[in-house]
């Protein structure tokens, strides 16, 4: 399996600072959706990016392109039409060794 960079791209550059109540609710669902995948180990990390040019978010996700397409299709922010998403492979990604704490 390959790691991918998944980018969530809201439709407004200032989205993070101008969300409506409904958009905040949707983004809460989006966070819950990705947290579930984080807990299963499929996602290494996810969150917002402090890019001064626009609002966007990322996830580092393990899977094949068809699996990423399925994740994108089920992302609450994409389903609600408040953001789009894309993903690209990270074939040389180096991560810290995962350890189980005893």
PDB file of N, CA and C in Angstrom:
ATOM      1  N   UNK A   1       0.845  -1.190   0.000  1.00  0.00           N
ATOM      2  CA  UNK A   1       0.000   0.000   0.000  1.00  0.00           C
ATOM      3  C   UNK A   1       0.883   1.244   0.000  1.00  0.00           C
ATOM      4  N   UNK A   2       0.351   2.291  -0.557  1.00  0.00           N
ATOM      5  CA  UNK A   2       1.073   3.553  -0.680  1.00  0.00           C
ATOM      6  C   UNK A   2       0.431   4.613   0.206  1.00  0.00           C
ATOM      7  N   UNK A   3       1.257   5.458   0.795  1.00  0.00           N
ATOM      8  CA  UNK A   3       0.754   6.619   1.529  1.00  0.00           C
ATOM      9  C   UNK A   3       0.423   7.719   0.530  1.00  0.00           C
ATOM     10  N   UNK A   4      -0.620   8.483   0.833  1.00  0.00           N
ATOM     11  CA  UNK A   4      -1.049   9.596  -0.018  1.00  0.00           C
ATOM     12  C   UNK A   4      -1.229  10.856   0.821  1.00  0.00           C
ATOM     13  N   UNK A   5      -1.011  11.987   0.182  1.00  0.00           N
ATOM     14  CA  UNK A   5      -1.382  13.280   0.749  1.00  0.00           C
ATOM     15  C   UNK A   5      -2.774  13.593   0.227  1.00  0.00           C
ATOM     16  N   UNK A   6      -3.722  13.689   1.137  1.00  0.00           N
ATOM     17  CA  UNK A   6      -5.109  14.040   0.813  1.00  0.00           C
ATOM     18  C   UNK A   6      -5.275  15.504   1.193  1.00  0.00           C
ATOM     19  N   UNK A   7      -5.708  16.316   0.250  1.00  0.00           N
ATOM     20  CA  UNK A   7      -5.890  17.748   0.525  1.00  0.00           C
ATOM     21  C   UNK A   7      -7.369  18.104   0.430  1.00  0.00           C
ATOM     22  N   UNK A   8      -7.898  18.697   1.492  1.00  0.00           N
ATOM     23  CA  UNK A   8      -9.257  19.225   1.490  1.00  0.00           C
ATOM     24  C   UNK A   8      -9.168  20.699   1.126  1.00  0.00           C
ATOM     25  N   UNK A   9      -9.885  21.087   0.085  1.00  0.00           N
ATOM     26  CA  UNK A   9      -9.796  22.440  -0.460  1.00  0.00           C
ATOM     27  C   UNK A   9     -11.163  23.113  -0.400  1.00  0.00           C
ATOM     28  N   UNK A  10     -11.431  23.866   0.671  1.00  0.00           N
ATOM     29  CA  UNK A  10     -12.711  24.570   0.773  1.00  0.00           C
ATOM     30  C   UNK A  10     -12.910  25.518  -0.410  1.00  0.00           C
ATOM     31  N   UNK A  11     -14.172  25.782  -0.714  1.00  0.00           N
ATOM     32  CA  UNK A  11     -14.509  26.606  -1.877  1.00  0.00           C
ATOM     33  C   UNK A  11     -14.234  28.090  -1.674  1.00  0.00           C
ATOM     34  N   UNK A  12     -13.972  28.515  -0.435  1.00  0.00           N
ATOM     35  CA  UNK A  12     -13.611  29.920  -0.167  1.00  0.00           C
ATOM     36  C   UNK A  12     -12.231  29.955   0.470  1.00  0.00           C
ATOM     37  N   UNK A  13     -11.358  30.865   0.016  1.00  0.00           N
ATOM     38  CA  UNK A  13     -10.019  30.931   0.607  1.00  0.00           C
ATOM     39  C   UNK A  13     -10.034  31.280   2.094  1.00  0.00           C
ATOM     40  N   UNK A  14     -11.040  32.029   2.541  1.00  0.00           N
ATOM     41  CA  UNK A  14     -11.126  32.440   3.951  1.00  0.00           C
ATOM     42  C   UNK A  14     -12.088  31.556   4.751  1.00  0.00           C
ATOM     43  N   UNK A  15     -12.322  30.352   4.278  1.00  0.00           N
ATOM     44  CA  UNK A  15     -13.316  29.453   4.855  1.00  0.00           C
ATOM     45  C   UNK A  15     -13.170  29.284   6.365  1.00  0.00           C
ATOM     46  N   UNK A  16     -11.950  29.073   6.842  1.00  0.00           N
ATOM     47  CA  UNK A  16     -11.736  28.798   8.271  1.00  0.00           C
ATOM     48  C   UNK A  16     -12.235  29.926   9.164  1.00  0.00           C
ATOM     49  N   UNK A  17     -12.164  31.152   8.683  1.00  0.00           N
ATOM     50  CA  UNK A  17     -12.577  32.292   9.510  1.00  0.00           C
ATOM     51  C   UNK A  17     -13.986  32.791   9.194  1.00  0.00           C
ATOM     52  N   UNK A  18     -14.645  32.203   8.188  1.00  0.00           N
ATOM     53  CA  UNK A  18     -15.977  32.693   7.799  1.00  0.00           C
ATOM     54  C   UNK A  18     -17.032  31.597   7.749  1.00  0.00           C
ATOM     55  N   UNK A  19     -16.774  30.459   8.388  1.00  0.00           N
ATOM     56  CA  UNK A  19     -17.738  29.357   8.351  1.00  0.00           C
ATOM     57  C   UNK A  19     -19.077  29.761   8.942  1.00  0.00           C
ATOM     58  N   UNK A  20     -20.146  29.307   8.298  1.00  0.00           N
ATOM     59  CA  UNK A  20     -21.484  29.472   8.846  1.00  0.00           C
ATOM     60  C   UNK A  20     -21.704  28.390   9.904  1.00  0.00           C
ATOM     61  N   UNK A  21     -22.787  28.484  10.645  1.00  0.00           N
ATOM     62  CA  UNK A  21     -23.106  27.457  11.630  1.00  0.00           C
ATOM     63  C   UNK A  21     -23.268  26.088  10.994  1.00  0.00           C
ATOM     64  N   UNK A  22     -23.928  26.047   9.854  1.00  0.00           N
ATOM     65  CA  UNK A  22     -24.125  24.781   9.149  1.00  0.00           C
ATOM     66  C   UNK A  22     -22.781  24.202   8.683  1.00  0.00           C
ATOM     67  N   UNK A  23     -21.900  25.074   8.192  1.00  0.00           N
ATOM     68  CA  UNK A  23     -20.575  24.615   7.767  1.00  0.00           C
ATOM     69  C   UNK A  23     -19.760  24.102   8.953  1.00  0.00           C
ATOM     70  N   UNK A  24     -19.888  24.746  10.112  1.00  0.00           N
ATOM     71  CA  UNK A  24     -19.182  24.267  11.313  1.00  0.00           C
ATOM     72  C   UNK A  24     -19.663  22.864  11.696  1.00  0.00           C
ATOM     73  N   UNK A  25     -20.962  22.652  11.599  1.00  0.00           N
ATOM     74  CA  UNK A  25     -21.516  21.330  11.892  1.00  0.00           C
ATOM     75  C   UNK A  25     -20.949  20.293  10.930  1.00  0.00           C
ATOM     76  N   UNK A  26     -20.934  20.631   9.654  1.00  0.00           N
ATOM     77  CA  UNK A  26     -20.388  19.720   8.646  1.00  0.00           C
ATOM     78  C   UNK A  26     -18.917  19.439   8.910  1.00  0.00           C
ATOM     79  N   UNK A  27     -18.161  20.463   9.279  1.00  0.00           N
ATOM     80  CA  UNK A  27     -16.742  20.254   9.551  1.00  0.00           C
ATOM     81  C   UNK A  27     -16.540  19.396  10.799  1.00  0.00           C
ATOM     82  N   UNK A  28     -17.440  19.479  11.759  1.00  0.00           N
ATOM     83  CA  UNK A  28     -17.388  18.572  12.908  1.00  0.00           C
ATOM     84  C   UNK A  28     -17.572  17.126  12.467  1.00  0.00           C
ATOM     85  N   UNK A  29     -18.497  16.910  11.527  1.00  0.00           N
ATOM     86  CA  UNK A  29     -18.707  15.571  10.972  1.00  0.00           C
ATOM     87  C   UNK A  29     -17.468  15.114  10.194  1.00  0.00           C
ATOM     88  N   UNK A  30     -16.866  16.038   9.469  1.00  0.00           N
ATOM     89  CA  UNK A  30     -15.640  15.759   8.709  1.00  0.00           C
ATOM     90  C   UNK A  30     -14.520  15.308   9.668  1.00  0.00           C
ATOM     91  N   UNK A  31     -14.343  16.020  10.773  1.00  0.00           N
ATOM     92  CA  UNK A  31     -13.307  15.656  11.753  1.00  0.00           C
ATOM     93  C   UNK A  31     -13.600  14.277  12.343  1.00  0.00           C
ATOM     94  N   UNK A  32     -14.848  14.000  12.683  1.00  0.00           N
ATOM     95  CA  UNK A  32     -15.210  12.684  13.220  1.00  0.00           C
ATOM     96  C   UNK A  32     -14.920  11.579  12.211  1.00  0.00           C
ATOM     97  N   UNK A  33     -15.230  11.836  10.952  1.00  0.00           N
ATOM     98  CA  UNK A  33     -14.985  10.882   9.871  1.00  0.00           C
ATOM     99  C   UNK A  33     -13.501  10.525   9.799  1.00  0.00           C
ATOM    100  N   UNK A  34     -12.646  11.549   9.788  1.00  0.00           N
ATOM    101  CA  UNK A  34     -11.209  11.296   9.680  1.00  0.00           C
ATOM    102  C   UNK A  34     -10.633  10.734  10.976  1.00  0.00           C
ATOM    103  N   UNK A  35     -11.179  11.108  12.121  1.00  0.00           N
ATOM    104  CA  UNK A  35     -10.703  10.552  13.397  1.00  0.00           C
ATOM    105  C   UNK A  35     -10.926   9.031  13.420  1.00  0.00           C
ATOM    106  N   UNK A  36     -12.048   8.580  12.887  1.00  0.00           N
ATOM    107  CA  UNK A  36     -12.321   7.143  12.815  1.00  0.00           C
ATOM    108  C   UNK A  36     -11.220   6.425  12.043  1.00  0.00           C
ATOM    109  N   UNK A  37     -10.810   7.004  10.915  1.00  0.00           N
ATOM    110  CA  UNK A  37      -9.748   6.392  10.110  1.00  0.00           C
ATOM    111  C   UNK A  37      -8.386   6.516  10.793  1.00  0.00           C
ATOM    112  N   UNK A  38      -8.182   7.560  11.559  1.00  0.00           N
ATOM    113  CA  UNK A  38      -6.949   7.713  12.335  1.00  0.00           C
ATOM    114  C   UNK A  38      -6.853   6.599  13.378  1.00  0.00           C
ATOM    115  N   UNK A  39      -7.955   6.324  14.042  1.00  0.00           N
ATOM    116  CA  UNK A  39      -7.977   5.314  15.099  1.00  0.00           C
ATOM    117  C   UNK A  39      -7.734   3.908  14.566  1.00  0.00           C
ATOM    118  N   UNK A  40      -8.070   3.667  13.301  1.00  0.00           N
ATOM    119  CA  UNK A  40      -7.832   2.343  12.708  1.00  0.00           C
ATOM    120  C   UNK A  40      -6.410   2.197  12.184  1.00  0.00           C
ATOM    121  N   UNK A  41      -5.650   3.294  12.151  1.00  0.00           N
ATOM    122  CA  UNK A  41      -4.285   3.257  11.646  1.00  0.00           C
ATOM    123  C   UNK A  41      -4.161   3.536  10.163  1.00  0.00           C
ATOM    124  N   UNK A  42      -5.270   3.716   9.509  1.00  0.00           N
ATOM    125  CA  UNK A  42      -5.242   4.003   8.067  1.00  0.00           C
ATOM    126  C   UNK A  42      -4.739   5.415   7.783  1.00  0.00           C
ATOM    127  N   UNK A  43      -4.944   6.317   8.738  1.00  0.00           N
ATOM    128  CA  UNK A  43      -4.500   7.708   8.614  1.00  0.00           C
ATOM    129  C   UNK A  43      -3.384   7.937   9.618  1.00  0.00           C
ATOM    130  N   UNK A  44      -2.297   8.518   9.153  1.00  0.00           N
ATOM    131  CA  UNK A  44      -1.144   8.806  10.003  1.00  0.00           C
ATOM    132  C   UNK A  44      -1.342  10.108  10.766  1.00  0.00           C
ATOM    133  N   UNK A  45      -1.913  11.106  10.101  1.00  0.00           N
ATOM    134  CA  UNK A  45      -2.158  12.422  10.704  1.00  0.00           C
ATOM    135  C   UNK A  45      -3.151  13.165   9.825  1.00  0.00           C
ATOM    136  N   UNK A  46      -3.872  14.133  10.424  1.00  0.00           N
ATOM    137  CA  UNK A  46      -4.737  15.008   9.642  1.00  0.00           C
ATOM    138  C   UNK A  46      -4.963  16.292  10.408  1.00  0.00           C
ATOM    139  N   UNK A  47      -5.348  17.343   9.691  1.00  0.00           N
ATOM    140  CA  UNK A  47      -5.655  18.604  10.350  1.00  0.00           C
ATOM    141  C   UNK A  47      -5.601  19.784   9.401  1.00  0.00           C
ATOM    142  N   UNK A  48      -5.865  20.963   9.947  1.00  0.00           N
ATOM    143  CA  UNK A  48      -5.822  22.181   9.132  1.00  0.00           C
ATOM    144  C   UNK A  48      -4.385  22.629   8.895  1.00  0.00           C
ATOM    145  N   UNK A  49      -4.205  23.403   7.845  1.00  0.00           N
ATOM    146  CA  UNK A  49      -2.898  23.954   7.492  1.00  0.00           C
ATOM    147  C   UNK A  49      -2.960  25.467   7.642  1.00  0.00           C
ATOM    148  N   UNK A  50      -1.971  26.059   8.303  1.00  0.00           N
ATOM    149  CA  UNK A  50      -1.924  27.517   8.515  1.00  0.00           C
ATOM    150  C   UNK A  50      -1.251  28.179   7.316  1.00  0.00           C
ATOM    151  N   UNK A  51      -1.914  28.104   6.174  1.00  0.00           N
ATOM    152  CA  UNK A  51      -1.414  28.707   4.938  1.00  0.00           C
ATOM    153  C   UNK A  51      -2.043  30.091   4.816  1.00  0.00           C
ATOM    154  N   UNK A  52      -1.256  31.162   4.818  1.00  0.00           N
ATOM    155  CA  UNK A  52      -1.836  32.503   4.767  1.00  0.00           C
ATOM    156  C   UNK A  52      -2.555  32.809   3.455  1.00  0.00           C
ATOM    157  N   UNK A  53      -2.315  32.024   2.412  1.00  0.00           N
ATOM    158  CA  UNK A  53      -2.949  32.313   1.128  1.00  0.00           C
ATOM    159  C   UNK A  53      -4.353  31.740   0.999  1.00  0.00           C
ATOM    160  N   UNK A  54      -4.679  30.704   1.789  1.00  0.00           N
ATOM    161  CA  UNK A  54      -6.022  30.110   1.729  1.00  0.00           C
ATOM    162  C   UNK A  54      -6.188  29.047   2.808  1.00  0.00           C
ATOM    163  N   UNK A  55      -7.429  28.731   3.122  1.00  0.00           N
ATOM    164  CA  UNK A  55      -7.750  27.647   4.056  1.00  0.00           C
ATOM    165  C   UNK A  55      -7.670  26.314   3.322  1.00  0.00           C
ATOM    166  N   UNK A  56      -7.028  25.340   3.947  1.00  0.00           N
ATOM    167  CA  UNK A  56      -7.071  23.972   3.445  1.00  0.00           C
ATOM    168  C   UNK A  56      -6.645  23.028   4.552  1.00  0.00           C
ATOM    169  N   UNK A  57      -6.892  21.760   4.341  1.00  0.00           N
ATOM    170  CA  UNK A  57      -6.531  20.755   5.317  1.00  0.00           C
ATOM    171  C   UNK A  57      -5.867  19.575   4.642  1.00  0.00           C
ATOM    172  N   UNK A  58      -5.257  18.717   5.447  1.00  0.00           N
ATOM    173  CA  UNK A  58      -4.548  17.571   4.893  1.00  0.00           C
ATOM    174  C   UNK A  58      -4.798  16.327   5.730  1.00  0.00           C
ATOM    175  N   UNK A  59      -4.546  15.196   5.107  1.00  0.00           N
ATOM    176  CA  UNK A  59      -4.452  13.917   5.805  1.00  0.00           C
ATOM    177  C   UNK A  59      -3.363  13.120   5.104  1.00  0.00           C
ATOM    178  N   UNK A  60      -2.634  12.336   5.869  1.00  0.00           N
ATOM    179  CA  UNK A  60      -1.685  11.379   5.309  1.00  0.00           C
ATOM    180  C   UNK A  60      -2.371  10.021   5.448  1.00  0.00           C
ATOM    181  N   UNK A  61      -2.726   9.432   4.305  1.00  0.00           N
ATOM    182  CA  UNK A  61      -3.604   8.263   4.266  1.00  0.00           C
ATOM    183  C   UNK A  61      -2.915   7.107   3.543  1.00  0.00           C
ATOM    184  N   UNK A  62      -3.050   5.912   4.094  1.00  0.00           N
ATOM    185  CA  UNK A  62      -2.514   4.726   3.441  1.00  0.00           C
ATOM    186  C   UNK A  62      -3.616   4.051   2.639  1.00  0.00           C
ATOM    187  N   UNK A  63      -3.323   3.735   1.380  1.00  0.00           N
ATOM    188  CA  UNK A  63      -4.305   3.045   0.557  1.00  0.00           C
ATOM    189  C   UNK A  63      -3.971   3.120  -0.912  1.00  0.00           C
ATOM    190  N   UNK A  64      -4.759   2.450  -1.693  1.00  0.00           N
ATOM    191  CA  UNK A  64      -4.636   2.476  -3.146  1.00  0.00           C
ATOM    192  C   UNK A  64      -5.531   3.589  -3.687  1.00  0.00           C
ATOM    193  N   UNK A  65      -5.276   4.048  -4.912  1.00  0.00           N
ATOM    194  CA  UNK A  65      -6.064   5.162  -5.458  1.00  0.00           C
ATOM    195  C   UNK A  65      -7.580   4.949  -5.415  1.00  0.00           C
ATOM    196  N   UNK A  66      -8.048   3.726  -5.676  1.00  0.00           N
ATOM    197  CA  UNK A  66      -9.492   3.494  -5.626  1.00  0.00           C
ATOM    198  C   UNK A  66     -10.031   3.649  -4.201  1.00  0.00           C
ATOM    199  N   UNK A  67      -9.230   3.292  -3.205  1.00  0.00           N
ATOM    200  CA  UNK A  67      -9.650   3.469  -1.812  1.00  0.00           C
ATOM    201  C   UNK A  67      -9.690   4.949  -1.434  1.00  0.00           C
ATOM    202  N   UNK A  68      -8.724   5.715  -1.943  1.00  0.00           N
ATOM    203  CA  UNK A  68      -8.733   7.163  -1.690  1.00  0.00           C
ATOM    204  C   UNK A  68      -9.948   7.801  -2.342  1.00  0.00           C
ATOM    205  N   UNK A  69     -10.313   7.330  -3.525  1.00  0.00           N
ATOM    206  CA  UNK A  69     -11.507   7.851  -4.201  1.00  0.00           C
ATOM    207  C   UNK A  69     -12.755   7.576  -3.363  1.00  0.00           C
ATOM    208  N   UNK A  70     -12.824   6.396  -2.752  1.00  0.00           N
ATOM    209  CA  UNK A  70     -13.960   6.060  -1.884  1.00  0.00           C
ATOM    210  C   UNK A  70     -13.982   6.944  -0.640  1.00  0.00           C
ATOM    211  N   UNK A  71     -12.816   7.173  -0.035  1.00  0.00           N
ATOM    212  CA  UNK A  71     -12.742   8.050   1.138  1.00  0.00           C
ATOM    213  C   UNK A  71     -13.200   9.459   0.784  1.00  0.00           C
ATOM    214  N   UNK A  72     -12.742   9.951  -0.358  1.00  0.00           N
ATOM    215  CA  UNK A  72     -13.128  11.284  -0.816  1.00  0.00           C
ATOM    216  C   UNK A  72     -14.638  11.354  -1.033  1.00  0.00           C
ATOM    217  N   UNK A  73     -15.200  10.347  -1.676  1.00  0.00           N
ATOM    218  CA  UNK A  73     -16.632  10.343  -1.986  1.00  0.00           C
ATOM    219  C   UNK A  73     -17.497  10.331  -0.729  1.00  0.00           C
ATOM    220  N   UNK A  74     -16.961   9.813   0.382  1.00  0.00           N
ATOM    221  CA  UNK A  74     -17.720   9.737   1.632  1.00  0.00           C
ATOM    222  C   UNK A  74     -17.368  10.842   2.623  1.00  0.00           C
ATOM    223  N   UNK A  75     -16.447  11.721   2.278  1.00  0.00           N
ATOM    224  CA  UNK A  75     -16.035  12.811   3.176  1.00  0.00           C
ATOM    225  C   UNK A  75     -17.209  13.781   3.342  1.00  0.00           C
ATOM    226  N   UNK A  76     -17.677  14.011   4.566  1.00  0.00           N
ATOM    227  CA  UNK A  76     -18.828  14.891   4.772  1.00  0.00           C
ATOM    228  C   UNK A  76     -18.671  16.292   4.181  1.00  0.00           C
ATOM    229  N   UNK A  77     -17.470  16.849   4.190  1.00  0.00           N
ATOM    230  CA  UNK A  77     -17.265  18.188   3.629  1.00  0.00           C
ATOM    231  C   UNK A  77     -17.429  18.175   2.114  1.00  0.00           C
ATOM    232  N   UNK A  78     -16.980  17.119   1.474  1.00  0.00           N
ATOM    233  CA  UNK A  78     -17.141  16.988   0.022  1.00  0.00           C
ATOM    234  C   UNK A  78     -18.608  16.726  -0.301  1.00  0.00           C
ATOM    235  N   UNK A  79     -19.234  15.813   0.444  1.00  0.00           N
ATOM    236  CA  UNK A  79     -20.649  15.499   0.219  1.00  0.00           C
ATOM    237  C   UNK A  79     -21.542  16.727   0.367  1.00  0.00           C
ATOM    238  N   UNK A  80     -21.208  17.601   1.317  1.00  0.00           N
ATOM    239  CA  UNK A  80     -22.011  18.805   1.557  1.00  0.00           C
ATOM    240  C   UNK A  80     -21.743  19.896   0.523  1.00  0.00           C
ATOM    241  N   UNK A  81     -20.721  19.706  -0.298  1.00  0.00           N
ATOM    242  CA  UNK A  81     -20.417  20.688  -1.333  1.00  0.00           C
ATOM    243  C   UNK A  81     -19.693  21.925  -0.835  1.00  0.00           C
ATOM    244  N   UNK A  82     -19.091  21.852   0.358  1.00  0.00           N
ATOM    245  CA  UNK A  82     -18.374  23.030   0.872  1.00  0.00           C
ATOM    246  C   UNK A  82     -16.882  22.971   0.579  1.00  0.00           C
ATOM    247  N   UNK A  83     -16.430  21.820   0.059  1.00  0.00           N
ATOM    248  CA  UNK A  83     -15.011  21.657  -0.255  1.00  0.00           C
ATOM    249  C   UNK A  83     -14.862  20.599  -1.332  1.00  0.00           C
ATOM    250  N   UNK A  84     -13.722  20.634  -1.962  1.00  0.00           N
ATOM    251  CA  UNK A  84     -13.324  19.565  -2.866  1.00  0.00           C
ATOM    252  C   UNK A  84     -12.091  18.922  -2.240  1.00  0.00           C
ATOM    253  N   UNK A  85     -11.646  17.837  -2.809  1.00  0.00           N
ATOM    254  CA  UNK A  85     -10.458  17.173  -2.280  1.00  0.00           C
ATOM    255  C   UNK A  85      -9.697  16.530  -3.422  1.00  0.00           C
ATOM    256  N   UNK A  86      -8.396  16.456  -3.244  1.00  0.00           N
ATOM    257  CA  UNK A  86      -7.563  15.704  -4.175  1.00  0.00           C
ATOM    258  C   UNK A  86      -6.543  14.926  -3.364  1.00  0.00           C
ATOM    259  N   UNK A  87      -5.809  14.061  -4.029  1.00  0.00           N
ATOM    260  CA  UNK A  87      -4.810  13.254  -3.340  1.00  0.00           C
ATOM    261  C   UNK A  87      -3.713  12.880  -4.322  1.00  0.00           C
ATOM    262  N   UNK A  88      -2.507  12.784  -3.791  1.00  0.00           N
ATOM    263  CA  UNK A  88      -1.337  12.406  -4.583  1.00  0.00           C
ATOM    264  C   UNK A  88      -0.509  11.413  -3.773  1.00  0.00           C
ATOM    265  N   UNK A  89       0.153  10.468  -4.457  1.00  0.00           N
ATOM    266  CA  UNK A  89       0.956   9.485  -3.731  1.00  0.00           C
ATOM    267  C   UNK A  89       2.213  10.100  -3.125  1.00  0.00           C
ATOM    268  N   UNK A  90       2.629   9.514  -2.019  1.00  0.00           N
ATOM    269  CA  UNK A  90       3.873   9.881  -1.332  1.00  0.00           C
ATOM    270  C   UNK A  90       4.766   8.641  -1.319  1.00  0.00           C
ATOM    271  N   UNK A  91       5.337   8.259  -2.462  1.00  0.00           N
ATOM    272  CA  UNK A  91       6.032   6.973  -2.550  1.00  0.00           C
ATOM    273  C   UNK A  91       7.279   6.860  -1.682  1.00  0.00           C
ATOM    274  N   UNK A  92       7.894   7.953  -1.318  1.00  0.00           N
ATOM    275  CA  UNK A  92       9.107   7.891  -0.504  1.00  0.00           C
ATOM    276  C   UNK A  92       8.908   8.368   0.917  1.00  0.00           C
ATOM    277  N   UNK A  93       7.662   8.362   1.402  1.00  0.00           N
ATOM    278  CA  UNK A  93       7.379   8.875   2.740  1.00  0.00           C
ATOM    279  C   UNK A  93       8.146   8.085   3.795  1.00  0.00           C
ATOM    280  N   UNK A  94       8.802   8.800   4.680  1.00  0.00           N
ATOM    281  CA  UNK A  94       9.532   8.191   5.790  1.00  0.00           C
ATOM    282  C   UNK A  94       8.795   8.561   7.069  1.00  0.00           C
ATOM    283  N   UNK A  95       8.469   7.567   7.867  1.00  0.00           N
ATOM    284  CA  UNK A  95       7.745   7.809   9.113  1.00  0.00           C
ATOM    285  C   UNK A  95       8.538   7.240  10.283  1.00  0.00           C
ATOM    286  N   UNK A  96       8.212   7.709  11.466  1.00  0.00           N
ATOM    287  CA  UNK A  96       8.798   7.135  12.675  1.00  0.00           C
ATOM    288  C   UNK A  96       8.246   5.727  12.838  1.00  0.00           C
ATOM    289  N   UNK A  97       9.036   4.873  13.435  1.00  0.00           N
ATOM    290  CA  UNK A  97       8.571   3.519  13.686  1.00  0.00           C
ATOM    291  C   UNK A  97       7.417   3.578  14.676  1.00  0.00           C
ATOM    292  N   UNK A  98       6.365   2.854  14.378  1.00  0.00           N
ATOM    293  CA  UNK A  98       5.230   2.801  15.299  1.00  0.00           C
ATOM    294  C   UNK A  98       5.547   1.798  16.398  1.00  0.00           C
ATOM    295  N   UNK A  99       5.283   2.210  17.652  1.00  0.00           N
ATOM    296  CA  UNK A  99       5.550   1.348  18.801  1.00  0.00           C
ATOM    297  C   UNK A  99       4.278   1.226  19.628  1.00  0.00           C
ATOM    298  N   UNK A 100       4.110   0.076  20.214  1.00  0.00           N
ATOM    299  CA  UNK A 100       3.033  -0.113  21.181  1.00  0.00           C
ATOM    300  C   UNK A 100       3.593   0.220  22.553  1.00  0.00           C
ATOM    301  N   UNK A 101       2.933   1.126  23.267  1.00  0.00           N
ATOM    302  CA  UNK A 101       3.357   1.449  24.630  1.00  0.00           C
ATOM    303  C   UNK A 101       2.859   0.362  25.571  1.00  0.00           C
ATOM    304  N   UNK A 102       3.763  -0.184  26.355  1.00  0.00           N
ATOM    305  CA  UNK A 102       3.367  -1.253  27.296  1.00  0.00           C
ATOM    306  C   UNK A 102       2.947  -0.665  28.601  1.00  0.00           C
TER     307      UNK A 102
END
